[in-house]
């Protein structure tokens, strides 16, 4: 099962450096992020829902951008926040 958001999602270049972790966490002095995610609408890199500050979910709530993907090496899955569907 898939949705239109997943089918139409792009794969933009990241808009921020991510070598040191979640840019928002690092800027605030936090180093306890878990995994990174990439917004497939704008390229924002942020931490996942297993991280204390859940920056990617906050980005979705603020922007309405529906799809993100894992930004972890070797992972290629996507998640649609709007339809709560996993895609590849």
C-alpha atoms as a PDB file:
ATOM      1  CA  UNK A   1       0.000   0.000   0.000  1.00  0.00           C
ATOM      2  CA  UNK A   2       1.236   3.487  -0.813  1.00  0.00           C
ATOM      3  CA  UNK A   3      -0.093   7.016  -1.100  1.00  0.00           C
ATOM      4  CA  UNK A   4       0.218   9.913  -3.511  1.00  0.00           C
ATOM      5  CA  UNK A   5       2.646  11.722  -1.180  1.00  0.00           C
ATOM      6  CA  UNK A   6       5.063   8.780  -1.234  1.00  0.00           C
ATOM      7  CA  UNK A   7       4.718   8.324  -4.997  1.00  0.00           C
ATOM      8  CA  UNK A   8       5.427  11.986  -5.681  1.00  0.00           C
ATOM      9  CA  UNK A   9       8.176  12.505  -3.099  1.00  0.00           C
ATOM     10  CA  UNK A  10      11.486  13.762  -4.402  1.00  0.00           C
ATOM     11  CA  UNK A  11      14.936  13.364  -2.927  1.00  0.00           C
ATOM     12  CA  UNK A  12      16.441  16.835  -2.451  1.00  0.00           C
ATOM     13  CA  UNK A  13      19.977  17.537  -1.367  1.00  0.00           C
ATOM     14  CA  UNK A  14      20.281  18.174   2.370  1.00  0.00           C
ATOM     15  CA  UNK A  15      19.962  21.874   3.218  1.00  0.00           C
ATOM     16  CA  UNK A  16      22.275  21.707   6.226  1.00  0.00           C
ATOM     17  CA  UNK A  17      25.412  19.990   7.433  1.00  0.00           C
ATOM     18  CA  UNK A  18      24.708  16.768   9.262  1.00  0.00           C
ATOM     19  CA  UNK A  19      28.087  15.158   9.875  1.00  0.00           C
ATOM     20  CA  UNK A  20      27.883  15.994  13.575  1.00  0.00           C
ATOM     21  CA  UNK A  21      24.254  14.969  14.060  1.00  0.00           C
ATOM     22  CA  UNK A  22      20.941  16.767  14.126  1.00  0.00           C
ATOM     23  CA  UNK A  23      21.769  20.413  13.338  1.00  0.00           C
ATOM     24  CA  UNK A  24      19.103  21.753  15.726  1.00  0.00           C
ATOM     25  CA  UNK A  25      20.224  19.501  18.594  1.00  0.00           C
ATOM     26  CA  UNK A  26      23.890  20.356  18.052  1.00  0.00           C
ATOM     27  CA  UNK A  27      23.136  24.107  17.875  1.00  0.00           C
ATOM     28  CA  UNK A  28      21.366  23.855  21.236  1.00  0.00           C
ATOM     29  CA  UNK A  29      24.248  21.918  22.806  1.00  0.00           C
ATOM     30  CA  UNK A  30      22.503  18.535  22.794  1.00  0.00           C
ATOM     31  CA  UNK A  31      24.236  15.380  21.612  1.00  0.00           C
ATOM     32  CA  UNK A  32      21.587  12.788  22.471  1.00  0.00           C
ATOM     33  CA  UNK A  33      19.868  12.532  19.078  1.00  0.00           C
ATOM     34  CA  UNK A  34      19.326   8.936  17.885  1.00  0.00           C
ATOM     35  CA  UNK A  35      18.865   8.824  14.081  1.00  0.00           C
ATOM     36  CA  UNK A  36      18.645  11.397  11.313  1.00  0.00           C
ATOM     37  CA  UNK A  37      15.806  11.983   8.868  1.00  0.00           C
ATOM     38  CA  UNK A  38      15.603  14.023   5.640  1.00  0.00           C
ATOM     39  CA  UNK A  39      12.508  16.007   4.606  1.00  0.00           C
ATOM     40  CA  UNK A  40      11.764  15.095   0.995  1.00  0.00           C
ATOM     41  CA  UNK A  41      10.105  18.441   0.318  1.00  0.00           C
ATOM     42  CA  UNK A  42      12.803  20.875   1.430  1.00  0.00           C
ATOM     43  CA  UNK A  43      15.889  18.844   2.396  1.00  0.00           C
ATOM     44  CA  UNK A  44      15.844  19.659   6.119  1.00  0.00           C
ATOM     45  CA  UNK A  45      17.911  17.224   8.197  1.00  0.00           C
ATOM     46  CA  UNK A  46      16.541  16.558  11.689  1.00  0.00           C
ATOM     47  CA  UNK A  47      16.364  13.909  14.400  1.00  0.00           C
ATOM     48  CA  UNK A  48      13.834  11.077  14.586  1.00  0.00           C
ATOM     49  CA  UNK A  49      10.984  10.355  16.993  1.00  0.00           C
ATOM     50  CA  UNK A  50      13.249   8.143  19.120  1.00  0.00           C
ATOM     51  CA  UNK A  51      15.273  11.273  19.882  1.00  0.00           C
ATOM     52  CA  UNK A  52      14.250  13.448  22.853  1.00  0.00           C
ATOM     53  CA  UNK A  53      13.380  16.545  20.798  1.00  0.00           C
ATOM     54  CA  UNK A  54      11.812  14.849  17.738  1.00  0.00           C
ATOM     55  CA  UNK A  55      12.807  17.652  15.365  1.00  0.00           C
ATOM     56  CA  UNK A  56      11.559  15.965  12.165  1.00  0.00           C
ATOM     57  CA  UNK A  57       8.057  15.490  13.569  1.00  0.00           C
ATOM     58  CA  UNK A  58       8.114  19.112  14.742  1.00  0.00           C
ATOM     59  CA  UNK A  59       9.185  20.158  11.240  1.00  0.00           C
ATOM     60  CA  UNK A  60       6.219  18.275   9.753  1.00  0.00           C
ATOM     61  CA  UNK A  61       3.806  19.923  12.197  1.00  0.00           C
ATOM     62  CA  UNK A  62       5.187  23.396  11.435  1.00  0.00           C
ATOM     63  CA  UNK A  63       5.633  23.068   7.665  1.00  0.00           C
ATOM     64  CA  UNK A  64       3.066  20.508   6.575  1.00  0.00           C
ATOM     65  CA  UNK A  65       5.727  18.707   4.511  1.00  0.00           C
ATOM     66  CA  UNK A  66       4.323  15.178   4.337  1.00  0.00           C
ATOM     67  CA  UNK A  67       7.231  12.801   3.591  1.00  0.00           C
ATOM     68  CA  UNK A  68      10.622  12.173   5.145  1.00  0.00           C
ATOM     69  CA  UNK A  69      13.128   9.408   4.648  1.00  0.00           C
ATOM     70  CA  UNK A  70      15.725   7.780   6.805  1.00  0.00           C
ATOM     71  CA  UNK A  71      19.070   9.527   6.506  1.00  0.00           C
ATOM     72  CA  UNK A  72      20.966   6.614   7.993  1.00  0.00           C
ATOM     73  CA  UNK A  73      23.550   4.748   5.881  1.00  0.00           C
ATOM     74  CA  UNK A  74      22.064   1.682   4.189  1.00  0.00           C
ATOM     75  CA  UNK A  75      18.433   2.588   4.914  1.00  0.00           C
ATOM     76  CA  UNK A  76      16.065   3.603   2.104  1.00  0.00           C
ATOM     77  CA  UNK A  77      12.612   3.711   3.681  1.00  0.00           C
ATOM     78  CA  UNK A  78      10.271   6.704   3.663  1.00  0.00           C
ATOM     79  CA  UNK A  79       7.435   7.744   5.971  1.00  0.00           C
ATOM     80  CA  UNK A  80       4.338   9.750   5.081  1.00  0.00           C
ATOM     81  CA  UNK A  81       3.199  11.680   8.155  1.00  0.00           C
ATOM     82  CA  UNK A  82      -0.153  12.619   6.599  1.00  0.00           C
ATOM     83  CA  UNK A  83      -1.229   9.101   5.660  1.00  0.00           C
ATOM     84  CA  UNK A  84       0.870   7.234   8.267  1.00  0.00           C
ATOM     85  CA  UNK A  85       2.320   4.930   5.617  1.00  0.00           C
ATOM     86  CA  UNK A  86       5.757   3.428   5.138  1.00  0.00           C
ATOM     87  CA  UNK A  87       7.237   3.363   1.648  1.00  0.00           C
ATOM     88  CA  UNK A  88      10.431   2.439  -0.220  1.00  0.00           C
END
